[in-house]
Amino acid sequence: MAAVVEAGNFVRAAEALGLTQSGVSRAVARLEQRVGVRLFDRTARAVSLTDEGRRFYEEVAPHLAGIEDAATAATGAAATVRGHLRVNADAAFGHYVLAPRLGEFLALHPELSFELVVRDRIGDLVAEGLDMAVRFGEPEPSSLICRQIGRSQVLTCASPEYVARRGRPKHPSELARGAHECILVRNTWTGRHFDWEFHQGREVVQVDVQGRLMVNDSGSLISAMLSGHGVGQPFEFSVRELIDSGRLVKLLPAWSDERYPVHVYHRSREFPAAKVRAFIDFLRTLTA
């Protein structure tokens, strides 16, 4: 409507808006139908506001600039990395992967602030004001958009003190025979511990390990391993420095351990904000 008032006819309004004349005419007709009054008098060469149209335009005109500014700001949010980003991650990924590297991400985007929320379940992102979540393993049942961004390997390891006391297993099957104390990690979805799987070429061995100690987070698992309690399967990124320093020892080096996919969950497929897209790209570099 404002474009027609300023241009004086549908042709020039259409040119200014980048639309067809018929498109502008239909838009005005829909507005007139919506408000229930005729807003313009139409002639072959020009259009002019009716009395009702003039009163209507005078009422809405002061608000148009604010609406345009809001639309511009929203468009900028889709193109510019700024604002506040709230991310939900499990404890292992949050502590060992994200927290040490978030400074790099924030340095790239000085108009952005970041909040890391660590917990074991995704929850309701919309109700809790979260922008996205990061999780290991197969996709969780969810109405959210889910994208795999990488994979992470687990390692079978123990402390040198444990190895000196109980020896090294020569085959994965030995871990199921009671010859070793295994530290289990609870799967929060199933309520039982995660399975242990080993690969060597085309051979895949699944081991039903048993143990008297079960934990539900990587920090507790690693602490128990360092104390010499038993054999565990933490994520490689969480024990890399401990293995390099000799505080933990990798077991069964001829066998590769299972690799878990890393997924990111977010709310919108069609219009994810620039901050969400930027963080997904950053996560890919961390999990490559």
Foldseek 3Di string as FASTA:
>chain_A
DVLQAVVFALCSSCVVVVHDSVVSVVVQVVVCVVVVHRQWDDDPPGIDGDPVNVVVCVVCVVCPVVVVVVVVVVVCQQVAQADEAEEEEEPQCVPLFCPVCVVVVCVVHVRYHYHYHYDDDPPDCVVVVHFKYKYKADDDDDPWDKDWQAKFFWFKKAFPVLCVVQNADQDPQVQAPPSWAEEFEADPVPRHTDWWWKDAPPDIDTYPGDHPHYYHDDVVVVVCRLVNNGIYIGICSNCVVVCVVRSMDTGPVNIGTDMIIMMMTGHDDPRRTPNVVSVSVVVSVRRD
